[in-house]
Amino acid sequence: MKLYYARGACSLASVIALQEAGMRADLVKVDLRTKKAEGGDFTAVNSKGYVPALRLDDGQVLTENVAVLQYIADRKPEAKLAPPAGTMERYRLQEWLSFINSEIHKSFGPLFNAEAKEETRQYARNLLAKRLSWLEGAMGSRTFLMGESFTVADAYLFTVLSWGAHVGVDIAKWPAIKSYYERIAARPQVIAAMQAEGLLKK
């Protein structure tokens, strides 16, 4: 398999999931500005032009973070990165993945866009604050989003929360979220994933 990623982008969640599952994939770095990947034109792999994209051994390409994360989890069920399909717990996982994807991930978008006007950026900051305040309450005393087991939802949430430091969103305002973030950051597999992307020194 080949995982196409961009350094520090949402594809980091997939790199973390691979580490947690003990699965091997060749990492192919993508320049999102030029749409070039090591070895050629990234849009020939994913015409949408963004990461992650997972090229399977049979040549098929799977895109969209939520789909890629669940694919990785289902390939190694013994890693327990996702509850079994068809269970209520699996729907809860999808509920979390959907929330992270549409309400947190996308809210960061304007803060990374150099063309976004200040009023757009402020709207994004306000929306993020509202969503993170809800998350703070929902987190409660849980170790992970699904309780005591680390899942692909935690890989995704950790990744998007890491963006706060780059755009002036200080998660220290939400103590439960900050503690959660630090807990995930200390996991050996997360450290290994960040080292693989060059975000941490080995």
Foldseek 3Di string as FASTA:
>chain_A
DEWEAEQLPLCLLLLLLCLLLVHDHHYWYADLVVCAIVPGHVCVQPVVSHDTWDQDPVGDIDGDPVVSQVVSCVVRVVSVQAPDPPDPRNVVVVVLVVCLVPQQNVLCVLLPDPPRDPVSVVVSLVSNVVSVVVVLVQCPVALDNSRPHHHSSLSSNLSSVVCCVVRVNDCVVRVSVVVSNVSVCPDPSSVVSNCVSVNDPD
